[in-house]
Amino acid sequence: MLAMVDQYRASGLTQEQFSREKGIAISVLRYWLAKLRQENNGPGFIQLDGIIQQEYRIVYPNGIELYVPSQTPIAHIQQLIQF
């Protein structure tokens, strides 16, 4: 499926068009796109040493911004950014 995802990315087609042309369900293409995106993003968190901030800003893909106090436990921040 990695080759199929590479073909889709190079095609310039929409997901719907590509799925129709290849005869696969769009849900299958979207599943593999999401799976590869997760694998490429790694663990998703990095250690911020030496940075002093009073709050962190989380910006969601839809443009909503969330400001979180820097003392917020990491587990709570993880819950806020999972979508």
N, C-alpha and C. Protein backbone atom coordinates (compact mmCIF):
# COMPACT_ATOMS: atom_id res chain seq x y z
N MET A 1 0.82 -1.20 0.00
CA MET A 1 0.00 0.00 0.00
C MET A 1 0.86 1.26 0.00
N LEU A 2 2.10 1.16 0.45
CA LEU A 2 2.98 2.32 0.42
C LEU A 2 3.14 2.84 -1.02
N ALA A 3 3.28 1.92 -1.96
CA ALA A 3 3.40 2.32 -3.37
C ALA A 3 2.12 3.01 -3.84
N MET A 4 0.98 2.52 -3.40
CA MET A 4 -0.30 3.12 -3.78
C MET A 4 -0.41 4.54 -3.22
N VAL A 5 0.02 4.74 -1.98
CA VAL A 5 -0.01 6.08 -1.38
C VAL A 5 0.94 7.00 -2.14
N ASP A 6 2.12 6.51 -2.49
CA ASP A 6 3.05 7.31 -3.28
C ASP A 6 2.45 7.70 -4.63
N GLN A 7 1.75 6.76 -5.25
CA GLN A 7 1.09 7.04 -6.53
C GLN A 7 0.03 8.11 -6.36
N TYR A 8 -0.75 8.00 -5.28
CA TYR A 8 -1.78 9.01 -5.02
C TYR A 8 -1.16 10.39 -4.84
N ARG A 9 -0.12 10.47 -4.04
CA ARG A 9 0.51 11.77 -3.77
C ARG A 9 1.08 12.40 -5.03
N ALA A 10 1.59 11.57 -5.94
CA ALA A 10 2.17 12.08 -7.18
C ALA A 10 1.13 12.36 -8.25
N SER A 11 -0.09 11.85 -8.06
CA SER A 11 -1.10 11.92 -9.11
C SER A 11 -1.71 13.30 -9.32
N GLY A 12 -1.80 14.08 -8.26
CA GLY A 12 -2.47 15.37 -8.36
C GLY A 12 -3.99 15.24 -8.35
N LEU A 13 -4.49 14.05 -8.14
CA LEU A 13 -5.93 13.80 -8.10
C LEU A 13 -6.46 13.97 -6.68
N THR A 14 -7.77 14.15 -6.58
CA THR A 14 -8.39 14.13 -5.26
C THR A 14 -8.43 12.68 -4.78
N GLN A 15 -8.68 12.51 -3.50
CA GLN A 15 -8.78 11.15 -2.96
C GLN A 15 -9.90 10.38 -3.66
N GLU A 16 -11.02 11.07 -3.89
CA GLU A 16 -12.16 10.42 -4.54
C GLU A 16 -11.80 9.98 -5.96
N GLN A 17 -11.17 10.86 -6.72
CA GLN A 17 -10.81 10.54 -8.10
C GLN A 17 -9.82 9.38 -8.15
N PHE A 18 -8.80 9.44 -7.31
CA PHE A 18 -7.78 8.40 -7.30
C PHE A 18 -8.38 7.05 -6.92
N SER A 19 -9.21 7.04 -5.88
CA SER A 19 -9.83 5.79 -5.44
C SER A 19 -10.68 5.18 -6.54
N ARG A 20 -11.43 6.02 -7.22
CA ARG A 20 -12.29 5.55 -8.31
C ARG A 20 -11.43 4.95 -9.44
N GLU A 21 -10.37 5.65 -9.82
CA GLU A 21 -9.50 5.17 -10.91
C GLU A 21 -8.82 3.85 -10.57
N LYS A 22 -8.42 3.69 -9.32
CA LYS A 22 -7.71 2.47 -8.91
C LYS A 22 -8.64 1.36 -8.46
N GLY A 23 -9.92 1.67 -8.32
CA GLY A 23 -10.88 0.64 -7.92
C GLY A 23 -10.76 0.23 -6.46
N ILE A 24 -10.37 1.17 -5.60
CA ILE A 24 -10.29 0.87 -4.17
C ILE A 24 -11.26 1.78 -3.42
N ALA A 25 -11.68 1.33 -2.27
CA ALA A 25 -12.57 2.15 -1.44
C ALA A 25 -11.80 3.35 -0.91
N ILE A 26 -12.44 4.49 -0.90
CA ILE A 26 -11.78 5.70 -0.40
C ILE A 26 -11.37 5.54 1.06
N SER A 27 -12.13 4.76 1.81
CA SER A 27 -11.78 4.53 3.22
C SER A 27 -10.45 3.80 3.35
N VAL A 28 -10.15 2.94 2.41
CA VAL A 28 -8.87 2.22 2.44
C VAL A 28 -7.72 3.19 2.20
N LEU A 29 -7.88 4.06 1.20
CA LEU A 29 -6.85 5.06 0.93
C LEU A 29 -6.65 5.97 2.12
N ARG A 30 -7.73 6.44 2.71
CA ARG A 30 -7.64 7.34 3.87
C ARG A 30 -7.01 6.66 5.07
N TYR A 31 -7.31 5.38 5.26
CA TYR A 31 -6.71 4.62 6.35
C TYR A 31 -5.19 4.61 6.22
N TRP A 32 -4.70 4.28 5.01
CA TRP A 32 -3.26 4.18 4.81
C TRP A 32 -2.58 5.53 4.84
N LEU A 33 -3.25 6.57 4.38
CA LEU A 33 -2.69 7.92 4.49
C LEU A 33 -2.51 8.30 5.96
N ALA A 34 -3.53 8.02 6.77
CA ALA A 34 -3.46 8.34 8.20
C ALA A 34 -2.41 7.50 8.90
N LYS A 35 -2.34 6.22 8.57
CA LYS A 35 -1.37 5.32 9.20
C LYS A 35 0.05 5.77 8.90
N LEU A 36 0.33 6.11 7.66
CA LEU A 36 1.67 6.56 7.30
C LEU A 36 1.99 7.91 7.91
N ARG A 37 0.99 8.77 8.03
CA ARG A 37 1.20 10.08 8.66
C ARG A 37 1.60 9.89 10.13
N GLN A 38 0.93 8.96 10.82
CA GLN A 38 1.25 8.69 12.23
C GLN A 38 2.66 8.14 12.37
N GLU A 39 3.05 7.22 11.48
CA GLU A 39 4.38 6.63 11.54
C GLU A 39 5.46 7.67 11.29
N ASN A 40 5.19 8.59 10.39
CA ASN A 40 6.19 9.60 10.03
C ASN A 40 6.31 10.70 11.07
N ASN A 41 5.29 10.87 11.90
CA ASN A 41 5.32 11.93 12.89
C ASN A 41 6.06 11.54 14.16
N GLY A 42 6.41 10.29 14.31
CA GLY A 42 7.13 9.86 15.50
C GLY A 42 6.26 9.94 16.75
N PRO A 43 6.91 10.09 17.91
CA PRO A 43 6.15 10.07 19.16
C PRO A 43 5.28 11.30 19.36
N GLY A 44 5.55 12.38 18.67
CA GLY A 44 4.69 13.55 18.75
C GLY A 44 5.06 14.55 19.83
N PHE A 45 6.00 14.23 20.70
CA PHE A 45 6.39 15.15 21.76
C PHE A 45 7.91 15.26 21.80
N ILE A 46 8.39 16.45 22.10
CA ILE A 46 9.81 16.65 22.28
C ILE A 46 10.03 17.35 23.63
N GLN A 47 11.17 17.12 24.23
CA GLN A 47 11.48 17.74 25.51
C GLN A 47 11.91 19.19 25.26
N LEU A 48 11.33 20.12 25.99
CA LEU A 48 11.67 21.54 25.86
C LEU A 48 12.47 21.95 27.08
N ASP A 49 13.78 21.85 26.99
CA ASP A 49 14.65 22.22 28.10
C ASP A 49 15.09 23.68 27.96
N GLY A 50 15.17 24.37 29.07
CA GLY A 50 15.68 25.73 29.07
C GLY A 50 14.73 26.77 28.52
N ILE A 51 13.51 26.41 28.25
CA ILE A 51 12.52 27.36 27.75
C ILE A 51 11.59 27.70 28.90
N ILE A 52 11.50 28.97 29.20
CA ILE A 52 10.62 29.42 30.28
C ILE A 52 9.42 30.11 29.65
N GLN A 53 8.28 29.53 29.84
CA GLN A 53 7.04 30.10 29.32
C GLN A 53 5.98 30.02 30.40
N GLN A 54 5.05 30.93 30.33
CA GLN A 54 3.94 30.90 31.27
C GLN A 54 2.80 30.05 30.73
N GLU A 55 2.76 29.89 29.41
CA GLU A 55 1.70 29.08 28.82
C GLU A 55 2.16 28.53 27.48
N TYR A 56 1.48 27.48 27.05
CA TYR A 56 1.71 26.89 25.74
C TYR A 56 0.50 27.18 24.88
N ARG A 57 0.74 27.32 23.60
CA ARG A 57 -0.35 27.58 22.66
C ARG A 57 -0.50 26.35 21.78
N ILE A 58 -1.70 25.81 21.74
CA ILE A 58 -2.03 24.68 20.87
C ILE A 58 -2.95 25.22 19.79
N VAL A 59 -2.58 25.01 18.53
CA VAL A 59 -3.39 25.47 17.41
C VAL A 59 -3.92 24.23 16.69
N TYR A 60 -5.24 24.10 16.67
CA TYR A 60 -5.88 22.97 16.01
C TYR A 60 -5.98 23.23 14.51
N PRO A 61 -6.10 22.17 13.69
CA PRO A 61 -6.18 22.35 12.24
C PRO A 61 -7.33 23.26 11.79
N ASN A 62 -8.39 23.36 12.58
CA ASN A 62 -9.51 24.21 12.19
C ASN A 62 -9.30 25.67 12.59
N GLY A 63 -8.13 26.00 13.15
CA GLY A 63 -7.80 27.37 13.48
C GLY A 63 -8.05 27.76 14.93
N ILE A 64 -8.70 26.92 15.69
CA ILE A 64 -8.95 27.22 17.10
C ILE A 64 -7.62 27.18 17.85
N GLU A 65 -7.40 28.18 18.69
CA GLU A 65 -6.19 28.26 19.50
C GLU A 65 -6.55 28.03 20.97
N LEU A 66 -5.74 27.24 21.62
CA LEU A 66 -5.95 26.93 23.03
C LEU A 66 -4.68 27.27 23.78
N TYR A 67 -4.80 28.10 24.81
CA TYR A 67 -3.66 28.46 25.64
C TYR A 67 -3.73 27.67 26.94
N VAL A 68 -2.64 26.96 27.24
CA VAL A 68 -2.59 26.07 28.39
C VAL A 68 -1.47 26.53 29.32
N PRO A 69 -1.74 26.66 30.62
CA PRO A 69 -0.67 27.05 31.55
C PRO A 69 0.49 26.07 31.49
N SER A 70 1.70 26.57 31.63
CA SER A 70 2.88 25.71 31.51
C SER A 70 2.96 24.66 32.61
N GLN A 71 2.24 24.84 33.70
CA GLN A 71 2.25 23.86 34.78
C GLN A 71 1.29 22.70 34.53
N THR A 72 0.56 22.73 33.43
CA THR A 72 -0.40 21.68 33.12
C THR A 72 0.32 20.35 32.93
N PRO A 73 -0.12 19.29 33.59
CA PRO A 73 0.52 17.97 33.43
C PRO A 73 0.49 17.53 31.96
N ILE A 74 1.55 16.90 31.53
CA ILE A 74 1.69 16.47 30.14
C ILE A 74 0.55 15.54 29.72
N ALA A 75 0.05 14.72 30.63
CA ALA A 75 -1.05 13.81 30.29
C ALA A 75 -2.30 14.58 29.88
N HIS A 76 -2.54 15.72 30.52
CA HIS A 76 -3.70 16.54 30.15
C HIS A 76 -3.50 17.18 28.78
N ILE A 77 -2.27 17.61 28.52
CA ILE A 77 -1.99 18.22 27.22
C ILE A 77 -2.15 17.18 26.12
N GLN A 78 -1.69 15.95 26.35
CA GLN A 78 -1.84 14.88 25.37
C GLN A 78 -3.31 14.65 25.04
N GLN A 79 -4.16 14.66 26.05
CA GLN A 79 -5.60 14.48 25.82
C GLN A 79 -6.18 15.62 25.00
N LEU A 80 -5.69 16.82 25.20
CA LEU A 80 -6.21 17.98 24.47
C LEU A 80 -5.84 17.96 22.99
N ILE A 81 -4.70 17.38 22.65
CA ILE A 81 -4.29 17.45 21.26
C ILE A 81 -4.62 16.20 20.45
N GLN A 82 -5.12 15.17 21.08
CA GLN A 82 -5.52 13.98 20.32
C GLN A 82 -6.84 14.26 19.63
N PHE A 83 -6.88 13.93 18.34
CA PHE A 83 -8.11 14.12 17.57
C PHE A 83 -8.30 13.00 16.60
